Amino acid sequence: SPVIKICANPDTGRRLAADMDVNAGRILEGDATL
């Protein structure tokens, strides 16, 4: 079964962008809402 990766931390999201499907860290930086 497929796994969809959702990154919580914006710094981690930048370092591991090639492994993440969704960057939820944008919420912390004010670039997106929940």
PDB file of all heavy atoms in Angstrom:
ATOM      1  N   SER A   1       0.839  -1.202   0.000  1.00  0.00           N
ATOM      2  CA  SER A   1       0.000   0.000   0.000  1.00  0.00           C
ATOM      3  C   SER A   1       0.872   1.250   0.000  1.00  0.00           C
ATOM      4  O   SER A   1       1.817   1.352   0.789  1.00  0.00           O
ATOM      5  CB  SER A   1      -0.924   0.022   1.219  1.00  0.00           C
ATOM      6  OG  SER A   1      -1.882  -1.025   1.152  1.00  0.00           O
ATOM      7  N   PRO A   2       0.571   2.220  -0.864  1.00  0.00           N
ATOM      8  CA  PRO A   2       1.386   3.436  -0.936  1.00  0.00           C
ATOM      9  C   PRO A   2       1.398   4.206   0.377  1.00  0.00           C
ATOM     10  O   PRO A   2       0.437   4.179   1.146  1.00  0.00           O
ATOM     11  CB  PRO A   2       0.702   4.262  -2.034  1.00  0.00           C
ATOM     12  CG  PRO A   2      -0.150   3.304  -2.784  1.00  0.00           C
ATOM     13  CD  PRO A   2      -0.543   2.230  -1.817  1.00  0.00           C
ATOM     14  N   VAL A   3       2.509   4.898   0.618  1.00  0.00           N
ATOM     15  CA  VAL A   3       2.667   5.781   1.765  1.00  0.00           C
ATOM     16  C   VAL A   3       2.833   7.212   1.257  1.00  0.00           C
ATOM     17  O   VAL A   3       3.662   7.469   0.382  1.00  0.00           O
ATOM     18  CB  VAL A   3       3.883   5.380   2.621  1.00  0.00           C
ATOM     19  CG1 VAL A   3       4.151   6.426   3.704  1.00  0.00           C
ATOM     20  CG2 VAL A   3       3.665   4.007   3.250  1.00  0.00           C
ATOM     21  N   ILE A   4       2.028   8.125   1.778  1.00  0.00           N
ATOM     22  CA  ILE A   4       2.125   9.548   1.452  1.00  0.00           C
ATOM     23  C   ILE A   4       2.833  10.233   2.610  1.00  0.00           C
ATOM     24  O   ILE A   4       2.362  10.205   3.751  1.00  0.00           O
ATOM     25  CB  ILE A   4       0.726  10.155   1.223  1.00  0.00           C
ATOM     26  CG1 ILE A   4       0.072   9.517  -0.015  1.00  0.00           C
ATOM     27  CG2 ILE A   4       0.809  11.673   1.067  1.00  0.00           C
ATOM     28  CD1 ILE A   4      -1.377   9.933  -0.227  1.00  0.00           C
ATOM     29  N   LYS A   5       3.984  10.849   2.355  1.00  0.00           N
ATOM     30  CA  LYS A   5       4.792  11.473   3.393  1.00  0.00           C
ATOM     31  C   LYS A   5       4.431  12.954   3.516  1.00  0.00           C
ATOM     32  O   LYS A   5       4.434  13.693   2.530  1.00  0.00           O
ATOM     33  CB  LYS A   5       6.284  11.334   3.075  1.00  0.00           C
ATOM     34  CG  LYS A   5       6.745   9.903   2.862  1.00  0.00           C
ATOM     35  CD  LYS A   5       6.418   9.002   4.024  1.00  0.00           C
ATOM     36  CE  LYS A   5       7.314   9.273   5.202  1.00  0.00           C
ATOM     37  NZ  LYS A   5       8.711   8.883   4.947  1.00  0.00           N
ATOM     38  N   ILE A   6       4.160  13.367   4.758  1.00  0.00           N
ATOM     39  CA  ILE A   6       3.753  14.740   5.052  1.00  0.00           C
ATOM     40  C   ILE A   6       4.730  15.305   6.066  1.00  0.00           C
ATOM     41  O   ILE A   6       4.809  14.825   7.203  1.00  0.00           O
ATOM     42  CB  ILE A   6       2.309  14.772   5.592  1.00  0.00           C
ATOM     43  CG1 ILE A   6       1.353  14.133   4.572  1.00  0.00           C
ATOM     44  CG2 ILE A   6       1.880  16.204   5.910  1.00  0.00           C
ATOM     45  CD1 ILE A   6       0.164  13.460   5.183  1.00  0.00           C
ATOM     46  N   CYS A   7       5.489  16.313   5.677  1.00  0.00           N
ATOM     47  CA  CYS A   7       6.540  16.853   6.526  1.00  0.00           C
ATOM     48  C   CYS A   7       6.010  18.008   7.362  1.00  0.00           C
ATOM     49  O   CYS A   7       5.418  18.958   6.839  1.00  0.00           O
ATOM     50  CB  CYS A   7       7.722  17.315   5.679  1.00  0.00           C
ATOM     51  SG  CYS A   7       9.174  17.683   6.678  1.00  0.00           S
ATOM     52  N   ALA A   8       6.253  17.934   8.667  1.00  0.00           N
ATOM     53  CA  ALA A   8       5.737  18.937   9.598  1.00  0.00           C
ATOM     54  C   ALA A   8       6.666  20.133   9.746  1.00  0.00           C
ATOM     55  O   ALA A   8       6.216  21.259   9.946  1.00  0.00           O
ATOM     56  CB  ALA A   8       5.512  18.296  10.973  1.00  0.00           C
ATOM     57  N   ASN A   9       7.969  19.881   9.677  1.00  0.00           N
ATOM     58  CA  ASN A   9       8.971  20.893   9.995  1.00  0.00           C
ATOM     59  C   ASN A   9       9.480  21.550   8.714  1.00  0.00           C
ATOM     60  O   ASN A   9       9.966  20.858   7.819  1.00  0.00           O
ATOM     61  CB  ASN A   9      10.129  20.223  10.750  1.00  0.00           C
ATOM     62  CG  ASN A   9      11.126  21.197  11.312  1.00  0.00           C
ATOM     63  OD1 ASN A   9      11.586  22.097  10.619  1.00  0.00           O
ATOM     64  ND2 ASN A   9      11.484  21.004  12.573  1.00  0.00           N
ATOM     65  N   PRO A  10       9.403  22.865   8.594  1.00  0.00           N
ATOM     66  CA  PRO A  10       9.833  23.509   7.354  1.00  0.00           C
ATOM     67  C   PRO A  10      11.308  23.301   7.042  1.00  0.00           C
ATOM     68  O   PRO A  10      11.684  23.172   5.862  1.00  0.00           O
ATOM     69  CB  PRO A  10       9.504  24.988   7.571  1.00  0.00           C
ATOM     70  CG  PRO A  10       9.381  25.150   9.055  1.00  0.00           C
ATOM     71  CD  PRO A  10       8.882  23.853   9.568  1.00  0.00           C
ATOM     72  N   ASP A  11      12.168  23.260   8.078  1.00  0.00           N
ATOM     73  CA  ASP A  11      13.592  23.025   7.826  1.00  0.00           C
ATOM     74  C   ASP A  11      13.826  21.613   7.300  1.00  0.00           C
ATOM     75  O   ASP A  11      14.582  21.411   6.344  1.00  0.00           O
ATOM     76  CB  ASP A  11      14.390  23.246   9.116  1.00  0.00           C
ATOM     77  CG  ASP A  11      14.405  24.701   9.554  1.00  0.00           C
ATOM     78  OD1 ASP A  11      14.252  25.584   8.675  1.00  0.00           O
ATOM     79  OD2 ASP A  11      14.559  24.956  10.765  1.00  0.00           O
ATOM     80  N   THR A  12      13.167  20.629   7.921  1.00  0.00           N
ATOM     81  CA  THR A  12      13.263  19.254   7.425  1.00  0.00           C
ATOM     82  C   THR A  12      12.703  19.165   6.009  1.00  0.00           C
ATOM     83  O   THR A  12      13.260  18.472   5.151  1.00  0.00           O
ATOM     84  CB  THR A  12      12.489  18.296   8.344  1.00  0.00           C
ATOM     85  OG1 THR A  12      12.963  18.430   9.684  1.00  0.00           O
ATOM     86  CG2 THR A  12      12.654  16.851   7.899  1.00  0.00           C
ATOM     87  N   GLY A  13      11.608  19.876   5.773  1.00  0.00           N
ATOM     88  CA  GLY A  13      10.996  19.865   4.452  1.00  0.00           C
ATOM     89  C   GLY A  13      11.935  20.357   3.368  1.00  0.00           C
ATOM     90  O   GLY A  13      11.928  19.843   2.242  1.00  0.00           O
ATOM     91  N   ARG A  14      12.757  21.324   3.701  1.00  0.00           N
ATOM     92  CA  ARG A  14      13.723  21.813   2.713  1.00  0.00           C
ATOM     93  C   ARG A  14      14.858  20.813   2.507  1.00  0.00           C
ATOM     94  O   ARG A  14      15.292  20.588   1.372  1.00  0.00           O
ATOM     95  CB  ARG A  14      14.268  23.175   3.154  1.00  0.00           C
ATOM     96  CG  ARG A  14      13.303  24.335   2.892  1.00  0.00           C
ATOM     97  CD  ARG A  14      13.912  25.682   3.236  1.00  0.00           C
ATOM     98  NE  ARG A  14      13.848  25.956   4.674  1.00  0.00           N
ATOM     99  CZ  ARG A  14      12.826  26.576   5.261  1.00  0.00           C
ATOM    100  NH1 ARG A  14      11.784  26.980   4.548  1.00  0.00           N
ATOM    101  NH2 ARG A  14      12.839  26.808   6.562  1.00  0.00           N
ATOM    102  N   ARG A  15      15.333  20.209   3.599  1.00  0.00           N
ATOM    103  CA  ARG A  15      16.440  19.254   3.482  1.00  0.00           C
ATOM    104  C   ARG A  15      16.016  17.968   2.769  1.00  0.00           C
ATOM    105  O   ARG A  15      16.792  17.382   2.012  1.00  0.00           O
ATOM    106  CB  ARG A  15      16.989  18.887   4.862  1.00  0.00           C
ATOM    107  CG  ARG A  15      17.788  19.979   5.539  1.00  0.00           C
ATOM    108  CD  ARG A  15      18.575  19.417   6.713  1.00  0.00           C
ATOM    109  NE  ARG A  15      17.725  18.726   7.674  1.00  0.00           N
ATOM    110  CZ  ARG A  15      17.125  19.325   8.704  1.00  0.00           C
ATOM    111  NH1 ARG A  15      17.263  20.631   8.889  1.00  0.00           N
ATOM    112  NH2 ARG A  15      16.382  18.624   9.549  1.00  0.00           N
ATOM    113  N   LEU A  16      14.796  17.519   3.055  1.00  0.00           N
ATOM    114  CA  LEU A  16      14.322  16.231   2.529  1.00  0.00           C
ATOM    115  C   LEU A  16      13.163  16.422   1.540  1.00  0.00           C
ATOM    116  O   LEU A  16      12.284  15.568   1.445  1.00  0.00           O
ATOM    117  CB  LEU A  16      13.890  15.325   3.683  1.00  0.00           C
ATOM    118  CG  LEU A  16      14.969  14.932   4.686  1.00  0.00           C
ATOM    119  CD1 LEU A  16      14.391  14.040   5.776  1.00  0.00           C
ATOM    120  CD2 LEU A  16      16.136  14.229   3.995  1.00  0.00           C
ATOM    121  N   ALA A  17      13.206  17.505   0.808  1.00  0.00           N
ATOM    122  CA  ALA A  17      12.113  17.795  -0.129  1.00  0.00           C
ATOM    123  C   ALA A  17      11.899  16.670  -1.123  1.00  0.00           C
ATOM    124  O   ALA A  17      10.762  16.395  -1.532  1.00  0.00           O
ATOM    125  CB  ALA A  17      12.399  19.107  -0.865  1.00  0.00           C
ATOM    126  N   ALA A  18      12.968  15.988  -1.511  1.00  0.00           N
ATOM    127  CA  ALA A  18      12.858  14.931  -2.518  1.00  0.00           C
ATOM    128  C   ALA A  18      12.198  13.670  -1.977  1.00  0.00           C
ATOM    129  O   ALA A  18      11.928  12.740  -2.745  1.00  0.00           O
ATOM    130  CB  ALA A  18      14.243  14.585  -3.067  1.00  0.00           C
ATOM    131  N   ASP A  19      11.933  13.625  -0.650  1.00  0.00           N
ATOM    132  CA  ASP A  19      11.285  12.457  -0.046  1.00  0.00           C
ATOM    133  C   ASP A  19       9.871  12.743   0.433  1.00  0.00           C
ATOM    134  O   ASP A  19       9.200  11.832   0.922  1.00  0.00           O
ATOM    135  CB  ASP A  19      12.110  11.958   1.143  1.00  0.00           C
ATOM    136  CG  ASP A  19      13.328  11.166   0.721  1.00  0.00           C
ATOM    137  OD1 ASP A  19      13.186   9.959   0.478  1.00  0.00           O
ATOM    138  OD2 ASP A  19      14.414  11.764   0.619  1.00  0.00           O
ATOM    139  N   MET A  20       9.418  13.975   0.331  1.00  0.00           N
ATOM    140  CA  MET A  20       8.140  14.362   0.917  1.00  0.00           C
ATOM    141  C   MET A  20       7.096  14.681  -0.150  1.00  0.00           C
ATOM    142  O   MET A  20       7.395  15.333  -1.147  1.00  0.00           O
ATOM    143  CB  MET A  20       8.320  15.581   1.830  1.00  0.00           C
ATOM    144  CG  MET A  20       9.301  15.337   2.975  1.00  0.00           C
ATOM    145  SD  MET A  20       8.726  14.039   4.095  1.00  0.00           S
ATOM    146  CE  MET A  20      10.291  13.476   4.799  1.00  0.00           C
ATOM    147  N   ASP A  21       5.867  14.207   0.086  1.00  0.00           N
ATOM    148  CA  ASP A  21       4.765  14.489  -0.833  1.00  0.00           C
ATOM    149  C   ASP A  21       4.101  15.828  -0.534  1.00  0.00           C
ATOM    150  O   ASP A  21       3.642  16.518  -1.447  1.00  0.00           O
ATOM    151  CB  ASP A  21       3.709  13.379  -0.737  1.00  0.00           C
ATOM    152  CG  ASP A  21       4.232  12.033  -1.198  1.00  0.00           C
ATOM    153  OD1 ASP A  21       4.234  11.778  -2.405  1.00  0.00           O
ATOM    154  OD2 ASP A  21       4.656  11.235  -0.330  1.00  0.00           O
ATOM    155  N   VAL A  22       4.018  16.163   0.753  1.00  0.00           N
ATOM    156  CA  VAL A  22       3.325  17.389   1.174  1.00  0.00           C
ATOM    157  C   VAL A  22       4.196  18.104   2.204  1.00  0.00           C
ATOM    158  O   VAL A  22       4.683  17.474   3.153  1.00  0.00           O
ATOM    159  CB  VAL A  22       1.943  17.073   1.788  1.00  0.00           C
ATOM    160  CG1 VAL A  22       1.275  18.356   2.289  1.00  0.00           C
ATOM    161  CG2 VAL A  22       1.046  16.372   0.769  1.00  0.00           C
ATOM    162  N   ASN A  23       4.376  19.406   2.046  1.00  0.00           N
ATOM    163  CA  ASN A  23       5.141  20.212   2.994  1.00  0.00           C
ATOM    164  C   ASN A  23       4.178  20.982   3.888  1.00  0.00           C
ATOM    165  O   ASN A  23       3.736  22.084   3.563  1.00  0.00           O
ATOM    166  CB  ASN A  23       6.068  21.175   2.247  1.00  0.00           C
ATOM    167  CG  ASN A  23       6.843  22.087   3.190  1.00  0.00           C
ATOM    168  OD1 ASN A  23       6.895  21.840   4.404  1.00  0.00           O
ATOM    169  ND2 ASN A  23       7.444  23.133   2.647  1.00  0.00           N
ATOM    170  N   ALA A  24       3.860  20.390   5.038  1.00  0.00           N
ATOM    171  CA  ALA A  24       2.972  21.065   5.996  1.00  0.00           C
ATOM    172  C   ALA A  24       3.702  22.123   6.796  1.00  0.00           C
ATOM    173  O   ALA A  24       3.076  22.921   7.495  1.00  0.00           O
ATOM    174  CB  ALA A  24       2.337  20.039   6.938  1.00  0.00           C
ATOM    175  N   GLY A  25       5.036  22.157   6.704  1.00  0.00           N
ATOM    176  CA  GLY A  25       5.799  23.181   7.392  1.00  0.00           C
ATOM    177  C   GLY A  25       5.476  24.582   6.916  1.00  0.00           C
ATOM    178  O   GLY A  25       5.783  25.563   7.615  1.00  0.00           O
ATOM    179  N   ARG A  26       4.854  24.687   5.759  1.00  0.00           N
ATOM    180  CA  ARG A  26       4.429  25.997   5.254  1.00  0.00           C
ATOM    181  C   ARG A  26       3.470  26.666   6.226  1.00  0.00           C
ATOM    182  O   ARG A  26       3.392  27.893   6.283  1.00  0.00           O
ATOM    183  CB  ARG A  26       3.742  25.835   3.888  1.00  0.00           C
ATOM    184  CG  ARG A  26       4.688  25.313   2.848  1.00  0.00           C
ATOM    185  CD  ARG A  26       4.112  24.938   1.499  1.00  0.00           C
ATOM    186  NE  ARG A  26       2.746  25.236   1.246  1.00  0.00           N
ATOM    187  CZ  ARG A  26       1.798  24.311   1.093  1.00  0.00           C
ATOM    188  NH1 ARG A  26       2.104  23.021   1.232  1.00  0.00           N
ATOM    189  NH2 ARG A  26       0.569  24.652   0.811  1.00  0.00           N
ATOM    190  N   ILE A  27       2.736  25.869   7.000  1.00  0.00           N
ATOM    191  CA  ILE A  27       1.804  26.426   7.989  1.00  0.00           C
ATOM    192  C   ILE A  27       2.577  27.236   9.025  1.00  0.00           C
ATOM    193  O   ILE A  27       2.179  28.347   9.391  1.00  0.00           O
ATOM    194  CB  ILE A  27       1.010  25.292   8.674  1.00  0.00           C
ATOM    195  CG1 ILE A  27       0.159  24.533   7.648  1.00  0.00           C
ATOM    196  CG2 ILE A  27       0.138  25.835   9.804  1.00  0.00           C
ATOM    197  CD1 ILE A  27      -0.394  23.214   8.169  1.00  0.00           C
ATOM    198  N   LEU A  28       3.689  26.682   9.495  1.00  0.00           N
ATOM    199  CA  LEU A  28       4.473  27.337  10.530  1.00  0.00           C
ATOM    200  C   LEU A  28       5.058  28.661  10.046  1.00  0.00           C
ATOM    201  O   LEU A  28       5.225  29.598  10.835  1.00  0.00           O
ATOM    202  CB  LEU A  28       5.593  26.400  10.984  1.00  0.00           C
ATOM    203  CG  LEU A  28       6.227  26.657  12.346  1.00  0.00           C
ATOM    204  CD1 LEU A  28       5.206  26.491  13.454  1.00  0.00           C
ATOM    205  CD2 LEU A  28       7.395  25.697  12.564  1.00  0.00           C
ATOM    206  N   GLU A  29       5.355  28.745   8.767  1.00  0.00           N
ATOM    207  CA  GLU A  29       5.960  29.952   8.213  1.00  0.00           C
ATOM    208  C   GLU A  29       4.934  30.927   7.652  1.00  0.00           C
ATOM    209  O   GLU A  29       5.297  31.939   7.043  1.00  0.00           O
ATOM    210  CB  GLU A  29       6.976  29.572   7.152  1.00  0.00           C
ATOM    211  CG  GLU A  29       8.138  28.757   7.727  1.00  0.00           C
ATOM    212  CD  GLU A  29       9.229  28.443   6.734  1.00  0.00           C
ATOM    213  OE1 GLU A  29       8.903  28.199   5.552  1.00  0.00           O
ATOM    214  OE2 GLU A  29      10.406  28.426   7.130  1.00  0.00           O
ATOM    215  N   GLY A  30       3.655  30.604   7.840  1.00  0.00           N
ATOM    216  CA  GLY A  30       2.591  31.509   7.428  1.00  0.00           C
ATOM    217  C   GLY A  30       2.270  31.483   5.954  1.00  0.00           C
ATOM    218  O   GLY A  30       1.555  32.360   5.451  1.00  0.00           O
ATOM    219  N   ASP A  31       2.752  30.457   5.247  1.00  0.00           N
ATOM    220  CA  ASP A  31       2.524  30.378   3.804  1.00  0.00           C
ATOM    221  C   ASP A  31       1.308  29.537   3.436  1.00  0.00           C
ATOM    222  O   ASP A  31       0.965  29.423   2.254  1.00  0.00           O
ATOM    223  CB  ASP A  31       3.759  29.800   3.113  1.00  0.00           C
ATOM    224  CG  ASP A  31       4.970  30.714   3.241  1.00  0.00           C
ATOM    225  OD1 ASP A  31       4.769  31.944   3.265  1.00  0.00           O
ATOM    226  OD2 ASP A  31       6.105  30.194   3.323  1.00  0.00           O
ATOM    227  N   ALA A  32       0.672  28.906   4.425  1.00  0.00           N
ATOM    228  CA  ALA A  32      -0.528  28.100   4.176  1.00  0.00           C
ATOM    229  C   ALA A  32      -1.261  27.936   5.494  1.00  0.00           C
ATOM    230  O   ALA A  32      -0.677  28.071   6.584  1.00  0.00           O
ATOM    231  CB  ALA A  32      -0.167  26.733   3.593  1.00  0.00           C
ATOM    232  N   THR A  33      -2.553  27.628   5.415  1.00  0.00           N
ATOM    233  CA  THR A  33      -3.350  27.372   6.612  1.00  0.00           C
ATOM    234  C   THR A  33      -3.528  25.870   6.793  1.00  0.00           C
ATOM    235  O   THR A  33      -3.267  25.073   5.879  1.00  0.00           O
ATOM    236  CB  THR A  33      -4.739  28.018   6.495  1.00  0.00           C
ATOM    237  OG1 THR A  33      -5.465  27.371   5.418  1.00  0.00           O
ATOM    238  CG2 THR A  33      -4.626  29.513   6.210  1.00  0.00           C
ATOM    239  N   LEU A  34      -3.986  25.470   7.989  1.00  0.00           N
ATOM    240  CA  LEU A  34      -4.294  24.068   8.226  1.00  0.00           C
ATOM    241  C   LEU A  34      -5.310  23.553   7.218  1.00  0.00           C
ATOM    242  O   LEU A  34      -5.194  22.434   6.704  1.00  0.00           O
ATOM    243  CB  LEU A  34      -4.830  23.867   9.645  1.00  0.00           C
ATOM    244  CG  LEU A  34      -3.812  23.778  10.775  1.00  0.00           C
ATOM    245  CD1 LEU A  34      -4.522  23.786  12.121  1.00  0.00           C
ATOM    246  CD2 LEU A  34      -2.963  22.522  10.629  1.00  0.00           C
TER     247      LEU A  34
END
